[in-house]
Amino acid sequence: MIKVTAAELQRQFGRYGDLALKEPVSVRHHGRDSLVVLSAEEYARLKALDTRQAVYPWELPADLREALETAEPPEESQRFNDEV
């Protein structure tokens, strides 16, 4: 992966934009990786792999709702009761 500072990215955005079409470009800000620039095609591919979905509890199948309603915390979690 190509690594570039944020200042360098600003100065030569066209160059790094073209490079990002071929491979991701890691952007460093204050000495730490902070962003990755990648092609829209690669972003779409990665998003398609992400099958996570947020739902309301009432949208869950009945068996999962019942499992959540009847779930008990494990014994080892008792030590955190005073934090509630």
N, C-alpha and C. Protein backbone atom coordinates (compact mmCIF):
# COMPACT_ATOMS: atom_id res chain seq x y z
N MET A 1 0.85 -1.18 0.00
CA MET A 1 0.00 0.00 0.00
C MET A 1 0.89 1.24 0.00
N ILE A 2 0.52 2.18 -0.80
CA ILE A 2 1.23 3.45 -0.88
C ILE A 2 0.91 4.27 0.38
N LYS A 3 1.91 4.90 0.96
CA LYS A 3 1.69 5.77 2.13
C LYS A 3 2.11 7.18 1.77
N VAL A 4 1.30 8.15 2.18
CA VAL A 4 1.55 9.55 1.84
C VAL A 4 1.07 10.42 3.00
N THR A 5 1.71 11.56 3.19
CA THR A 5 1.24 12.49 4.22
C THR A 5 0.03 13.25 3.69
N ALA A 6 -0.75 13.79 4.60
CA ALA A 6 -1.92 14.57 4.21
C ALA A 6 -1.50 15.79 3.39
N ALA A 7 -0.41 16.41 3.75
CA ALA A 7 0.07 17.59 3.01
C ALA A 7 0.44 17.21 1.58
N GLU A 8 1.13 16.08 1.42
CA GLU A 8 1.52 15.62 0.10
C GLU A 8 0.29 15.27 -0.74
N LEU A 9 -0.71 14.66 -0.11
CA LEU A 9 -1.95 14.34 -0.81
C LEU A 9 -2.61 15.62 -1.33
N GLN A 10 -2.63 16.65 -0.52
CA GLN A 10 -3.21 17.93 -0.95
C GLN A 10 -2.45 18.52 -2.12
N ARG A 11 -1.13 18.47 -2.05
CA ARG A 11 -0.31 19.06 -3.11
C ARG A 11 -0.44 18.31 -4.43
N GLN A 12 -0.56 16.99 -4.35
CA GLN A 12 -0.57 16.19 -5.58
C GLN A 12 -1.78 15.25 -5.60
N PHE A 13 -2.96 15.84 -5.38
CA PHE A 13 -4.17 15.01 -5.30
C PHE A 13 -4.41 14.22 -6.58
N GLY A 14 -4.21 14.84 -7.73
CA GLY A 14 -4.42 14.15 -9.00
C GLY A 14 -3.57 12.90 -9.12
N ARG A 15 -2.31 13.02 -8.76
CA ARG A 15 -1.39 11.89 -8.84
C ARG A 15 -1.84 10.75 -7.93
N TYR A 16 -2.14 11.09 -6.68
CA TYR A 16 -2.52 10.04 -5.73
C TYR A 16 -3.93 9.52 -6.01
N GLY A 17 -4.78 10.35 -6.58
CA GLY A 17 -6.10 9.88 -6.99
C GLY A 17 -5.97 8.83 -8.08
N ASP A 18 -5.08 9.06 -9.05
CA ASP A 18 -4.84 8.08 -10.11
C ASP A 18 -4.25 6.79 -9.53
N LEU A 19 -3.33 6.92 -8.59
CA LEU A 19 -2.74 5.74 -7.96
C LEU A 19 -3.79 4.95 -7.17
N ALA A 20 -4.70 5.67 -6.54
CA ALA A 20 -5.74 5.01 -5.74
C ALA A 20 -6.69 4.18 -6.60
N LEU A 21 -6.75 4.46 -7.89
CA LEU A 21 -7.55 3.65 -8.79
C LEU A 21 -6.95 2.26 -8.96
N LYS A 22 -5.65 2.14 -8.72
CA LYS A 22 -4.95 0.86 -8.88
C LYS A 22 -4.75 0.13 -7.55
N GLU A 23 -4.46 0.90 -6.49
CA GLU A 23 -4.26 0.31 -5.18
C GLU A 23 -4.56 1.35 -4.10
N PRO A 24 -4.95 0.92 -2.90
CA PRO A 24 -5.27 1.87 -1.84
C PRO A 24 -4.08 2.75 -1.48
N VAL A 25 -4.38 3.99 -1.10
CA VAL A 25 -3.36 4.95 -0.67
C VAL A 25 -3.66 5.31 0.79
N SER A 26 -2.72 5.02 1.67
CA SER A 26 -2.87 5.34 3.09
C SER A 26 -2.39 6.77 3.33
N VAL A 27 -3.21 7.56 4.02
CA VAL A 27 -2.89 8.96 4.29
C VAL A 27 -2.52 9.11 5.76
N ARG A 28 -1.34 9.65 6.00
CA ARG A 28 -0.86 9.88 7.36
C ARG A 28 -1.10 11.34 7.75
N HIS A 29 -1.59 11.53 8.96
CA HIS A 29 -1.83 12.86 9.50
C HIS A 29 -1.23 12.91 10.89
N HIS A 30 -0.35 13.85 11.14
CA HIS A 30 0.36 13.95 12.43
C HIS A 30 1.06 12.65 12.77
N GLY A 31 1.65 12.01 11.74
CA GLY A 31 2.44 10.82 11.97
C GLY A 31 1.68 9.53 12.13
N ARG A 32 0.34 9.57 11.98
CA ARG A 32 -0.46 8.34 12.15
C ARG A 32 -1.34 8.13 10.93
N ASP A 33 -1.54 6.88 10.56
CA ASP A 33 -2.47 6.58 9.48
C ASP A 33 -3.86 7.05 9.88
N SER A 34 -4.51 7.84 9.02
CA SER A 34 -5.82 8.36 9.39
C SER A 34 -6.88 8.07 8.34
N LEU A 35 -6.50 7.94 7.08
CA LEU A 35 -7.47 7.69 6.00
C LEU A 35 -6.87 6.72 5.00
N VAL A 36 -7.75 6.11 4.23
CA VAL A 36 -7.32 5.31 3.09
C VAL A 36 -8.15 5.77 1.90
N VAL A 37 -7.48 6.12 0.82
CA VAL A 37 -8.16 6.52 -0.41
C VAL A 37 -8.15 5.31 -1.34
N LEU A 38 -9.33 4.94 -1.84
CA LEU A 38 -9.41 3.81 -2.74
C LEU A 38 -10.45 4.07 -3.82
N SER A 39 -10.43 3.28 -4.85
CA SER A 39 -11.35 3.50 -5.97
C SER A 39 -12.79 3.22 -5.54
N ALA A 40 -13.71 3.86 -6.25
CA ALA A 40 -15.13 3.63 -5.98
C ALA A 40 -15.49 2.17 -6.23
N GLU A 41 -14.87 1.56 -7.21
CA GLU A 41 -15.12 0.15 -7.52
C GLU A 41 -14.70 -0.75 -6.35
N GLU A 42 -13.53 -0.49 -5.78
CA GLU A 42 -13.06 -1.27 -4.64
C GLU A 42 -13.94 -1.04 -3.41
N TYR A 43 -14.37 0.20 -3.21
CA TYR A 43 -15.27 0.50 -2.09
C TYR A 43 -16.58 -0.28 -2.24
N ALA A 44 -17.14 -0.29 -3.45
CA ALA A 44 -18.40 -1.02 -3.70
C ALA A 44 -18.20 -2.52 -3.46
N ARG A 45 -17.05 -3.05 -3.87
CA ARG A 45 -16.77 -4.46 -3.64
C ARG A 45 -16.73 -4.78 -2.15
N LEU A 46 -16.05 -3.94 -1.38
CA LEU A 46 -15.96 -4.15 0.06
C LEU A 46 -17.32 -4.01 0.74
N LYS A 47 -18.10 -3.03 0.31
CA LYS A 47 -19.44 -2.85 0.90
C LYS A 47 -20.33 -4.05 0.63
N ALA A 48 -20.19 -4.66 -0.55
CA ALA A 48 -20.99 -5.83 -0.89
C ALA A 48 -20.66 -7.01 0.01
N LEU A 49 -19.44 -7.07 0.53
CA LEU A 49 -19.04 -8.15 1.43
C LEU A 49 -19.60 -7.97 2.83
N ASP A 50 -19.98 -6.75 3.18
CA ASP A 50 -20.48 -6.44 4.52
C ASP A 50 -21.97 -6.76 4.58
N THR A 51 -22.31 -7.85 5.23
CA THR A 51 -23.70 -8.27 5.29
C THR A 51 -24.38 -7.88 6.60
N ARG A 52 -23.69 -7.08 7.41
CA ARG A 52 -24.31 -6.66 8.67
C ARG A 52 -25.53 -5.79 8.38
N GLN A 53 -26.51 -5.87 9.25
CA GLN A 53 -27.72 -5.09 9.06
C GLN A 53 -28.27 -4.72 10.44
N ALA A 54 -28.64 -3.47 10.60
CA ALA A 54 -29.24 -3.02 11.86
C ALA A 54 -30.76 -3.16 11.75
N VAL A 55 -31.36 -3.72 12.79
CA VAL A 55 -32.82 -3.87 12.82
C VAL A 55 -33.33 -3.52 14.21
N TYR A 56 -34.60 -3.18 14.28
CA TYR A 56 -35.26 -2.98 15.57
C TYR A 56 -35.54 -4.36 16.17
N PRO A 57 -35.60 -4.44 17.50
CA PRO A 57 -35.86 -5.75 18.12
C PRO A 57 -37.14 -6.41 17.61
N TRP A 58 -38.17 -5.64 17.35
CA TRP A 58 -39.44 -6.23 16.90
C TRP A 58 -39.37 -6.73 15.45
N GLU A 59 -38.30 -6.42 14.75
CA GLU A 59 -38.12 -6.92 13.39
C GLU A 59 -37.39 -8.27 13.37
N LEU A 60 -36.88 -8.70 14.53
CA LEU A 60 -36.18 -9.97 14.61
C LEU A 60 -37.18 -11.12 14.54
N PRO A 61 -36.73 -12.28 14.07
CA PRO A 61 -37.60 -13.47 14.12
C PRO A 61 -37.97 -13.78 15.57
N ALA A 62 -39.12 -14.39 15.76
CA ALA A 62 -39.64 -14.67 17.10
C ALA A 62 -38.67 -15.47 17.95
N ASP A 63 -37.98 -16.46 17.36
CA ASP A 63 -37.07 -17.28 18.16
C ASP A 63 -35.88 -16.47 18.69
N LEU A 64 -35.39 -15.51 17.91
CA LEU A 64 -34.29 -14.66 18.38
C LEU A 64 -34.77 -13.69 19.45
N ARG A 65 -35.96 -13.12 19.28
CA ARG A 65 -36.51 -12.22 20.31
C ARG A 65 -36.66 -12.97 21.62
N GLU A 66 -37.18 -14.18 21.57
CA GLU A 66 -37.37 -14.97 22.78
C GLU A 66 -36.01 -15.29 23.42
N ALA A 67 -35.02 -15.62 22.61
CA ALA A 67 -33.68 -15.92 23.15
C ALA A 67 -33.11 -14.69 23.85
N LEU A 68 -33.31 -13.51 23.28
CA LEU A 68 -32.81 -12.29 23.92
C LEU A 68 -33.55 -12.00 25.22
N GLU A 69 -34.86 -12.22 25.24
CA GLU A 69 -35.66 -11.93 26.42
C GLU A 69 -35.36 -12.88 27.58
N THR A 70 -34.96 -14.09 27.27
CA THR A 70 -34.71 -15.08 28.32
C THR A 70 -33.22 -15.28 28.63
N ALA A 71 -32.36 -14.56 27.96
CA ALA A 71 -30.92 -14.73 28.16
C ALA A 71 -30.51 -14.30 29.57
N GLU A 72 -29.57 -15.02 30.14
CA GLU A 72 -29.03 -14.71 31.46
C GLU A 72 -27.54 -14.41 31.30
N PRO A 73 -27.03 -13.44 32.03
CA PRO A 73 -25.59 -13.14 31.93
C PRO A 73 -24.78 -14.27 32.54
N PRO A 74 -23.57 -14.47 32.07
CA PRO A 74 -22.71 -15.52 32.64
C PRO A 74 -22.30 -15.17 34.07
N GLU A 75 -21.98 -16.18 34.84
CA GLU A 75 -21.59 -16.00 36.25
C GLU A 75 -20.46 -14.99 36.41
N GLU A 76 -19.45 -15.05 35.55
CA GLU A 76 -18.30 -14.17 35.72
C GLU A 76 -18.64 -12.70 35.57
N SER A 77 -19.79 -12.38 35.02
CA SER A 77 -20.17 -10.97 34.87
C SER A 77 -20.76 -10.39 36.15
N GLN A 78 -21.00 -11.22 37.15
CA GLN A 78 -21.57 -10.75 38.41
C GLN A 78 -20.69 -9.70 39.07
N ARG A 79 -19.39 -9.77 38.85
CA ARG A 79 -18.47 -8.82 39.49
C ARG A 79 -18.67 -7.39 39.00
N PHE A 80 -19.41 -7.22 37.93
CA PHE A 80 -19.66 -5.87 37.40
C PHE A 80 -21.00 -5.28 37.86
N ASN A 81 -21.75 -6.00 38.67
CA ASN A 81 -23.07 -5.54 39.10
C ASN A 81 -23.02 -4.20 39.82
N ASP A 82 -21.96 -3.94 40.55
CA ASP A 82 -21.88 -2.68 41.28
C ASP A 82 -21.66 -1.48 40.36
N GLU A 83 -21.36 -1.72 39.11
CA GLU A 83 -21.15 -0.63 38.16
C GLU A 83 -22.44 -0.14 37.51
N VAL A 84 -23.50 -0.88 37.70
CA VAL A 84 -24.79 -0.52 37.07
C VAL A 84 -25.51 0.54 37.86
